[in-house]
PDB file of N, CA and C in Angstrom:
ATOM      1  N   MET A   1     118.046  61.958  76.338  1.00  0.00           N
ATOM      2  CA  MET A   1     118.232  63.355  75.988  1.00  0.00           C
ATOM      3  C   MET A   1     119.720  63.625  75.883  1.00  0.00           C
ATOM      4  N   LYS A   2     120.049  64.549  75.050  1.00  0.00           N
ATOM      5  CA  LYS A   2     121.445  64.872  74.809  1.00  0.00           C
ATOM      6  C   LYS A   2     121.750  66.265  75.355  1.00  0.00           C
ATOM      7  N   VAL A   3     122.896  66.403  75.984  1.00  0.00           N
ATOM      8  CA  VAL A   3     123.353  67.696  76.498  1.00  0.00           C
ATOM      9  C   VAL A   3     124.125  68.391  75.388  1.00  0.00           C
ATOM     10  N   ALA A   4     123.829  69.676  75.176  1.00  0.00           N
ATOM     11  CA  ALA A   4     124.496  70.442  74.123  1.00  0.00           C
ATOM     12  C   ALA A   4     125.006  71.767  74.687  1.00  0.00           C
ATOM     13  N   GLN A   5     126.001  72.327  74.037  1.00  0.00           N
ATOM     14  CA  GLN A   5     126.543  73.630  74.419  1.00  0.00           C
ATOM     15  C   GLN A   5     125.599  74.712  73.922  1.00  0.00           C
ATOM     16  N   TRP A   6     125.291  75.691  74.781  1.00  0.00           N
ATOM     17  CA  TRP A   6     124.452  76.818  74.397  1.00  0.00           C
ATOM     18  C   TRP A   6     125.113  78.060  74.966  1.00  0.00           C
ATOM     19  N   GLY A   7     125.882  78.757  74.159  1.00  0.00           N
ATOM     20  CA  GLY A   7     126.688  79.876  74.645  1.00  0.00           C
ATOM     21  C   GLY A   7     127.719  79.331  75.613  1.00  0.00           C
ATOM     22  N   GLU A   8     127.760  79.886  76.820  1.00  0.00           N
ATOM     23  CA  GLU A   8     128.693  79.395  77.836  1.00  0.00           C
ATOM     24  C   GLU A   8     128.013  78.412  78.783  1.00  0.00           C
ATOM     25  N   SER A   9     126.786  78.019  78.472  1.00  0.00           N
ATOM     26  CA  SER A   9     126.026  77.098  79.312  1.00  0.00           C
ATOM     27  C   SER A   9     125.805  75.780  78.592  1.00  0.00           C
ATOM     28  N   LEU A  10     125.257  74.827  79.332  1.00  0.00           N
ATOM     29  CA  LEU A  10     124.835  73.568  78.747  1.00  0.00           C
ATOM     30  C   LEU A  10     123.317  73.549  78.734  1.00  0.00           C
ATOM     31  N   ALA A  11     122.736  72.879  77.759  1.00  0.00           N
ATOM     32  CA  ALA A  11     121.283  72.824  77.636  1.00  0.00           C
ATOM     33  C   ALA A  11     120.840  71.410  77.323  1.00  0.00           C
ATOM     34  N   VAL A  12     119.615  71.082  77.710  1.00  0.00           N
ATOM     35  CA  VAL A  12     119.002  69.801  77.389  1.00  0.00           C
ATOM     36  C   VAL A  12     117.732  70.104  76.603  1.00  0.00           C
ATOM     37  N   LYS A  13     117.594  69.495  75.444  1.00  0.00           N
ATOM     38  CA  LYS A  13     116.402  69.669  74.625  1.00  0.00           C
ATOM     39  C   LYS A  13     115.352  68.666  75.094  1.00  0.00           C
ATOM     40  N   LEU A  14     114.177  69.168  75.480  1.00  0.00           N
ATOM     41  CA  LEU A  14     113.121  68.301  75.990  1.00  0.00           C
ATOM     42  C   LEU A  14     112.301  67.728  74.839  1.00  0.00           C
ATOM     43  N   PRO A  15     112.039  66.432  74.888  1.00  0.00           N
ATOM     44  CA  PRO A  15     111.186  65.833  73.861  1.00  0.00           C
ATOM     45  C   PRO A  15     109.765  66.401  73.952  1.00  0.00           C
ATOM     46  N   ASN A  16     109.088  66.474  72.820  1.00  0.00           N
ATOM     47  CA  ASN A  16     107.738  67.030  72.763  1.00  0.00           C
ATOM     48  C   ASN A  16     106.797  66.316  73.733  1.00  0.00           C
ATOM     49  N   GLU A  17     106.953  65.014  73.900  1.00  0.00           N
ATOM     50  CA  GLU A  17     106.097  64.250  74.819  1.00  0.00           C
ATOM     51  C   GLU A  17     106.212  64.784  76.248  1.00  0.00           C
ATOM     52  N   VAL A  18     107.428  65.096  76.681  1.00  0.00           N
ATOM     53  CA  VAL A  18     107.660  65.642  78.029  1.00  0.00           C
ATOM     54  C   VAL A  18     107.042  67.030  78.136  1.00  0.00           C
ATOM     55  N   VAL A  19     107.237  67.843  77.106  1.00  0.00           N
ATOM     56  CA  VAL A  19     106.681  69.198  77.089  1.00  0.00           C
ATOM     57  C   VAL A  19     105.164  69.147  77.219  1.00  0.00           C
ATOM     58  N   GLN A  20     104.532  68.260  76.480  1.00  0.00           N
ATOM     59  CA  GLN A  20     103.073  68.150  76.530  1.00  0.00           C
ATOM     60  C   GLN A  20     102.591  67.618  77.868  1.00  0.00           C
ATOM     61  N   GLN A  21     103.258  66.601  78.397  1.00  0.00           N
ATOM     62  CA  GLN A  21     102.840  66.025  79.688  1.00  0.00           C
ATOM     63  C   GLN A  21     102.918  67.048  80.808  1.00  0.00           C
ATOM     64  N   LEU A  22     103.951  67.890  80.787  1.00  0.00           N
ATOM     65  CA  LEU A  22     104.117  68.883  81.843  1.00  0.00           C
ATOM     66  C   LEU A  22     103.393  70.187  81.541  1.00  0.00           C
ATOM     67  N   GLY A  23     102.860  70.319  80.325  1.00  0.00           N
ATOM     68  CA  GLY A  23     102.159  71.551  79.957  1.00  0.00           C
ATOM     69  C   GLY A  23     103.092  72.738  79.886  1.00  0.00           C
ATOM     70  N   LEU A  24     104.315  72.517  79.428  1.00  0.00           N
ATOM     71  CA  LEU A  24     105.303  73.586  79.377  1.00  0.00           C
ATOM     72  C   LEU A  24     105.104  74.477  78.161  1.00  0.00           C
ATOM     73  N   LYS A  25     105.542  75.729  78.325  1.00  0.00           N
ATOM     74  CA  LYS A  25     105.579  76.641  77.186  1.00  0.00           C
ATOM     75  C   LYS A  25     106.858  77.465  77.297  1.00  0.00           C
ATOM     76  N   SER A  26     107.246  78.074  76.233  1.00  0.00           N
ATOM     77  CA  SER A  26     108.472  78.864  76.206  1.00  0.00           C
ATOM     78  C   SER A  26     108.425  79.939  77.288  1.00  0.00           C
ATOM     79  N   GLY A  27     109.486  80.051  78.057  1.00  0.00           N
ATOM     80  CA  GLY A  27     109.564  81.053  79.119  1.00  0.00           C
ATOM     81  C   GLY A  27     109.206  80.527  80.493  1.00  0.00           C
ATOM     82  N   ASP A  28     108.639  79.312  80.589  1.00  0.00           N
ATOM     83  CA  ASP A  28     108.316  78.736  81.896  1.00  0.00           C
ATOM     84  C   ASP A  28     109.592  78.458  82.680  1.00  0.00           C
ATOM     85  N   ASP A  29     109.526  78.615  83.997  1.00  0.00           N
ATOM     86  CA  ASP A  29     110.627  78.235  84.879  1.00  0.00           C
ATOM     87  C   ASP A  29     110.346  76.832  85.394  1.00  0.00           C
ATOM     88  N   VAL A  30     111.369  76.010  85.464  1.00  0.00           N
ATOM     89  CA  VAL A  30     111.208  74.661  86.001  1.00  0.00           C
ATOM     90  C   VAL A  30     112.291  74.403  87.035  1.00  0.00           C
ATOM     91  N   ASP A  31     111.974  73.581  88.025  1.00  0.00           N
ATOM     92  CA  ASP A  31     112.959  73.109  88.989  1.00  0.00           C
ATOM     93  C   ASP A  31     113.420  71.752  88.521  1.00  0.00           C
ATOM     94  N   VAL A  32     114.720  71.556  88.486  1.00  0.00           N
ATOM     95  CA  VAL A  32     115.275  70.251  88.140  1.00  0.00           C
ATOM     96  C   VAL A  32     116.025  69.763  89.362  1.00  0.00           C
ATOM     97  N   LYS A  33     115.677  68.570  89.828  1.00  0.00           N
ATOM     98  CA  LYS A  33     116.303  68.002  91.015  1.00  0.00           C
ATOM     99  C   LYS A  33     117.260  66.894  90.603  1.00  0.00           C
ATOM    100  N   VAL A  34     118.449  66.904  91.172  1.00  0.00           N
ATOM    101  CA  VAL A  34     119.439  65.887  90.871  1.00  0.00           C
ATOM    102  C   VAL A  34     119.129  64.651  91.705  1.00  0.00           C
ATOM    103  N   SER A  35     119.164  63.502  91.050  1.00  0.00           N
ATOM    104  CA  SER A  35     118.840  62.246  91.710  1.00  0.00           C
ATOM    105  C   SER A  35     119.815  61.180  91.231  1.00  0.00           C
ATOM    106  N   LEU A  36     120.115  60.208  92.099  1.00  0.00           N
ATOM    107  CA  LEU A  36     120.978  59.110  91.685  1.00  0.00           C
ATOM    108  C   LEU A  36     120.219  58.140  90.790  1.00  0.00           C
ATOM    109  N   ALA A  37     118.892  58.160  90.885  1.00  0.00           N
ATOM    110  CA  ALA A  37     118.077  57.309  90.021  1.00  0.00           C
ATOM    111  C   ALA A  37     118.070  57.904  88.618  1.00  0.00           C
ATOM    112  N   PRO A  38     117.994  57.071  87.595  1.00  0.00           N
ATOM    113  CA  PRO A  38     118.009  57.584  86.225  1.00  0.00           C
ATOM    114  C   PRO A  38     116.644  58.134  85.796  1.00  0.00           C
ATOM    115  N   VAL A  39     116.123  59.065  86.597  1.00  0.00           N
ATOM    116  CA  VAL A  39     114.813  59.640  86.311  1.00  0.00           C
ATOM    117  C   VAL A  39     114.926  61.155  86.393  1.00  0.00           C
ATOM    118  N   LEU A  40     114.334  61.839  85.439  1.00  0.00           N
ATOM    119  CA  LEU A  40     114.300  63.299  85.471  1.00  0.00           C
ATOM    120  C   LEU A  40     112.995  63.709  86.123  1.00  0.00           C
ATOM    121  N   ASP A  41     113.074  64.379  87.251  1.00  0.00           N
ATOM    122  CA  ASP A  41     111.891  64.832  87.970  1.00  0.00           C
ATOM    123  C   ASP A  41     111.876  66.348  87.908  1.00  0.00           C
ATOM    124  N   SER A  42     110.918  66.903  87.233  1.00  0.00           N
ATOM    125  CA  SER A  42     110.856  68.358  87.148  1.00  0.00           C
ATOM    126  C   SER A  42     109.449  68.815  87.457  1.00  0.00           C
ATOM    127  N   GLU A  43     109.351  70.060  87.862  1.00  0.00           N
ATOM    128  CA  GLU A  43     108.067  70.619  88.243  1.00  0.00           C
ATOM    129  C   GLU A  43     108.017  72.050  87.728  1.00  0.00           C
ATOM    130  N   VAL A  44     106.949  72.401  87.075  1.00  0.00           N
ATOM    131  CA  VAL A  44     106.812  73.753  86.547  1.00  0.00           C
ATOM    132  C   VAL A  44     106.614  74.713  87.708  1.00  0.00           C
ATOM    133  N   GLN A  45     107.356  75.801  87.693  1.00  0.00           N
ATOM    134  CA  GLN A  45     107.198  76.806  88.736  1.00  0.00           C
ATOM    135  C   GLN A  45     106.076  77.750  88.334  1.00  0.00           C
ATOM    136  N   ARG A  46     105.031  77.738  89.104  1.00  0.00           N
ATOM    137  CA  ARG A  46     103.912  78.630  88.834  1.00  0.00           C
ATOM    138  C   ARG A  46     103.700  79.537  90.050  1.00  0.00           C
ATOM    139  N   ARG A  47     104.799  79.805  90.761  1.00  0.00           N
ATOM    140  CA  ARG A  47     104.698  80.594  91.989  1.00  0.00           C
ATOM    141  C   ARG A  47     104.084  81.964  91.744  1.00  0.00           C
ATOM    142  N   ARG A  48     104.535  82.647  90.687  1.00  0.00           N
ATOM    143  CA  ARG A  48     104.037  83.999  90.429  1.00  0.00           C
ATOM    144  C   ARG A  48     102.541  83.973  90.188  1.00  0.00           C
ATOM    145  N   GLU A  49     102.083  83.077  89.311  1.00  0.00           N
ATOM    146  CA  GLU A  49     100.663  83.005  89.005  1.00  0.00           C
ATOM    147  C   GLU A  49      99.854  82.614  90.237  1.00  0.00           C
ATOM    148  N   GLU A  50     100.376  81.657  91.031  1.00  0.00           N
ATOM    149  CA  GLU A  50      99.681  81.239  92.246  1.00  0.00           C
ATOM    150  C   GLU A  50      99.616  82.373  93.254  1.00  0.00           C
ATOM    151  N   ALA A  51     100.704  83.125  93.395  1.00  0.00           N
ATOM    152  CA  ALA A  51     100.733  84.241  94.342  1.00  0.00           C
ATOM    153  C   ALA A  51      99.726  85.317  93.932  1.00  0.00           C
ATOM    154  N   LEU A  52      99.712  85.649  92.637  1.00  0.00           N
ATOM    155  CA  LEU A  52      98.772  86.666  92.173  1.00  0.00           C
ATOM    156  C   LEU A  52      97.328  86.208  92.358  1.00  0.00           C
ATOM    157  N   ALA A  53      97.055  84.938  92.094  1.00  0.00           N
ATOM    158  CA  ALA A  53      95.702  84.418  92.291  1.00  0.00           C
ATOM    159  C   ALA A  53      95.301  84.507  93.762  1.00  0.00           C
ATOM    160  N   GLY A  54      96.240  84.212  94.661  1.00  0.00           N
ATOM    161  CA  GLY A  54      95.968  84.311  96.093  1.00  0.00           C
ATOM    162  C   GLY A  54      95.692  85.737  96.532  1.00  0.00           C
ATOM    163  N   ILE A  55      96.469  86.660  96.005  1.00  0.00           N
ATOM    164  CA  ILE A  55      96.275  88.082  96.341  1.00  0.00           C
ATOM    165  C   ILE A  55      94.914  88.550  95.836  1.00  0.00           C
ATOM    166  N   ARG A  56      94.581  88.167  94.603  1.00  0.00           N
ATOM    167  CA  ARG A  56      93.281  88.569  94.050  1.00  0.00           C
ATOM    168  C   ARG A  56      92.124  87.987  94.854  1.00  0.00           C
ATOM    169  N   ALA A  57      92.294  86.759  95.344  1.00  0.00           N
ATOM    170  CA  ALA A  57      91.231  86.109  96.122  1.00  0.00           C
ATOM    171  C   ALA A  57      91.011  86.815  97.464  1.00  0.00           C
ATOM    172  N   MET A  58      92.044  87.492  97.989  1.00  0.00           N
ATOM    173  CA  MET A  58      91.930  88.168  99.289  1.00  0.00           C
ATOM    174  C   MET A  58      91.408  89.593  99.161  1.00  0.00           C
ATOM    175  N   ARG A  59      91.231  90.084  97.945  1.00  0.00           N
ATOM    176  CA  ARG A  59      90.773  91.463  97.756  1.00  0.00           C
ATOM    177  C   ARG A  59      89.454  91.711  98.471  1.00  0.00           C
ATOM    178  N   ARG A  60      89.407  92.759  99.223  1.00  0.00           N
ATOM    179  CA  ARG A  60      88.184  93.161  99.906  1.00  0.00           C
ATOM    180  C   ARG A  60      88.037  94.676  99.731  1.00  0.00           C
ATOM    181  N   PRO A  61      86.824  95.162  99.658  1.00  0.00           N
ATOM    182  CA  PRO A  61      86.641  96.615  99.535  1.00  0.00           C
ATOM    183  C   PRO A  61      86.980  97.310 100.850  1.00  0.00           C
ATOM    184  N   PHE A  62      87.428  98.540 100.747  1.00  0.00           N
ATOM    185  CA  PHE A  62      87.694  99.326 101.945  1.00  0.00           C
ATOM    186  C   PHE A  62      86.350  99.720 102.569  1.00  0.00           C
ATOM    187  N   PRO A  63      86.338  99.903 103.905  1.00  0.00           N
ATOM    188  CA  PRO A  63      85.096 100.339 104.554  1.00  0.00           C
ATOM    189  C   PRO A  63      84.652 101.698 104.011  1.00  0.00           C
ATOM    190  N   LYS A  64      83.356 101.910 103.981  1.00  0.00           N
ATOM    191  CA  LYS A  64      82.815 103.176 103.481  1.00  0.00           C
ATOM    192  C   LYS A  64      83.388 104.339 104.297  1.00  0.00           C
ATOM    193  N   GLY A  65      83.873 105.354 103.610  1.00  0.00           N
ATOM    194  CA  GLY A  65      84.431 106.519 104.275  1.00  0.00           C
ATOM    195  C   GLY A  65      85.889 106.369 104.696  1.00  0.00           C
ATOM    196  N   TRP A  66      86.507 105.201 104.468  1.00  0.00           N
ATOM    197  CA  TRP A  66      87.898 104.985 104.860  1.00  0.00           C
ATOM    198  C   TRP A  66      88.811 105.862 104.038  1.00  0.00           C
ATOM    199  N   LYS A  67      89.836 106.414 104.701  1.00  0.00           N
ATOM    200  CA  LYS A  67      90.789 107.286 104.035  1.00  0.00           C
ATOM    201  C   LYS A  67      92.174 106.976 104.588  1.00  0.00           C
ATOM    202  N   PHE A  68      93.156 106.850 103.712  1.00  0.00           N
ATOM    203  CA  PHE A  68      94.527 106.588 104.146  1.00  0.00           C
ATOM    204  C   PHE A  68      95.114 107.862 104.715  1.00  0.00           C
ATOM    205  N   ASP A  69      95.696 107.757 105.921  1.00  0.00           N
ATOM    206  CA  ASP A  69      96.332 108.904 106.574  1.00  0.00           C
ATOM    207  C   ASP A  69      97.804 108.553 106.780  1.00  0.00           C
ATOM    208  N   ARG A  70      98.656 109.153 105.967  1.00  0.00           N
ATOM    209  CA  ARG A  70     100.081 108.866 106.025  1.00  0.00           C
ATOM    210  C   ARG A  70     100.678 109.171 107.406  1.00  0.00           C
ATOM    211  N   GLU A  71     100.283 110.256 107.997  1.00  0.00           N
ATOM    212  CA  GLU A  71     100.799 110.633 109.326  1.00  0.00           C
ATOM    213  C   GLU A  71     100.442 109.567 110.351  1.00  0.00           C
ATOM    214  N   GLU A  72      99.198 109.111 110.346  1.00  0.00           N
ATOM    215  CA  GLU A  72      98.773 108.101 111.287  1.00  0.00           C
ATOM    216  C   GLU A  72      99.505 106.769 111.037  1.00  0.00           C
ATOM    217  N   ALA A  73      99.684 106.430 109.780  1.00  0.00           N
ATOM    218  CA  ALA A  73     100.353 105.172 109.434  1.00  0.00           C
ATOM    219  C   ALA A  73     101.814 105.192 109.876  1.00  0.00           C
ATOM    220  N   ASN A  74     102.455 106.350 109.849  1.00  0.00           N
ATOM    221  CA  ASN A  74     103.877 106.435 110.202  1.00  0.00           C
ATOM    222  C   ASN A  74     104.113 106.880 111.634  1.00  0.00           C
ATOM    223  N   LYS A  75     103.053 107.031 112.409  1.00  0.00           N
ATOM    224  CA  LYS A  75     103.174 107.472 113.792  1.00  0.00           C
ATOM    225  C   LYS A  75     103.960 106.426 114.590  1.00  0.00           C
ATOM    226  N   ARG A  76     104.860 106.909 115.434  1.00  0.00           N
ATOM    227  CA  ARG A  76     105.666 105.996 116.272  1.00  0.00           C
ATOM    228  C   ARG A  76     105.381 106.259 117.743  1.00  0.00           C
ATOM    229  N   GLY A  77     105.428 105.201 118.468  1.00  0.00           N
ATOM    230  CA  GLY A  77     105.267 105.322 119.912  1.00  0.00           C
ATOM    231  C   GLY A  77     103.823 105.566 120.318  1.00  0.00           C
ATOM    232  N   PRO A  78     103.606 105.687 121.619  1.00  0.00           N
ATOM    233  CA  PRO A  78     102.241 105.863 122.124  1.00  0.00           C
ATOM    234  C   PRO A  78     101.661 107.230 121.879  1.00  0.00           C
TER     235      PRO A  78
END
């Protein structure tokens, strides 16, 4: 891969084979780890999607008759 100037940054153009193997698409975030070995190890960051899936999996209905009480929620002390 060749490093090229992109504005004030440097960029690496990924070969299509790498893009397909990693399932990358435009806008994906990736972690790139520096290694002394001549190997590029990257991992697609799917934290947002994983977090949202976890939150959705924990969804539970409120108990019947439950009502949010701001005063009770903000009450301090005994």
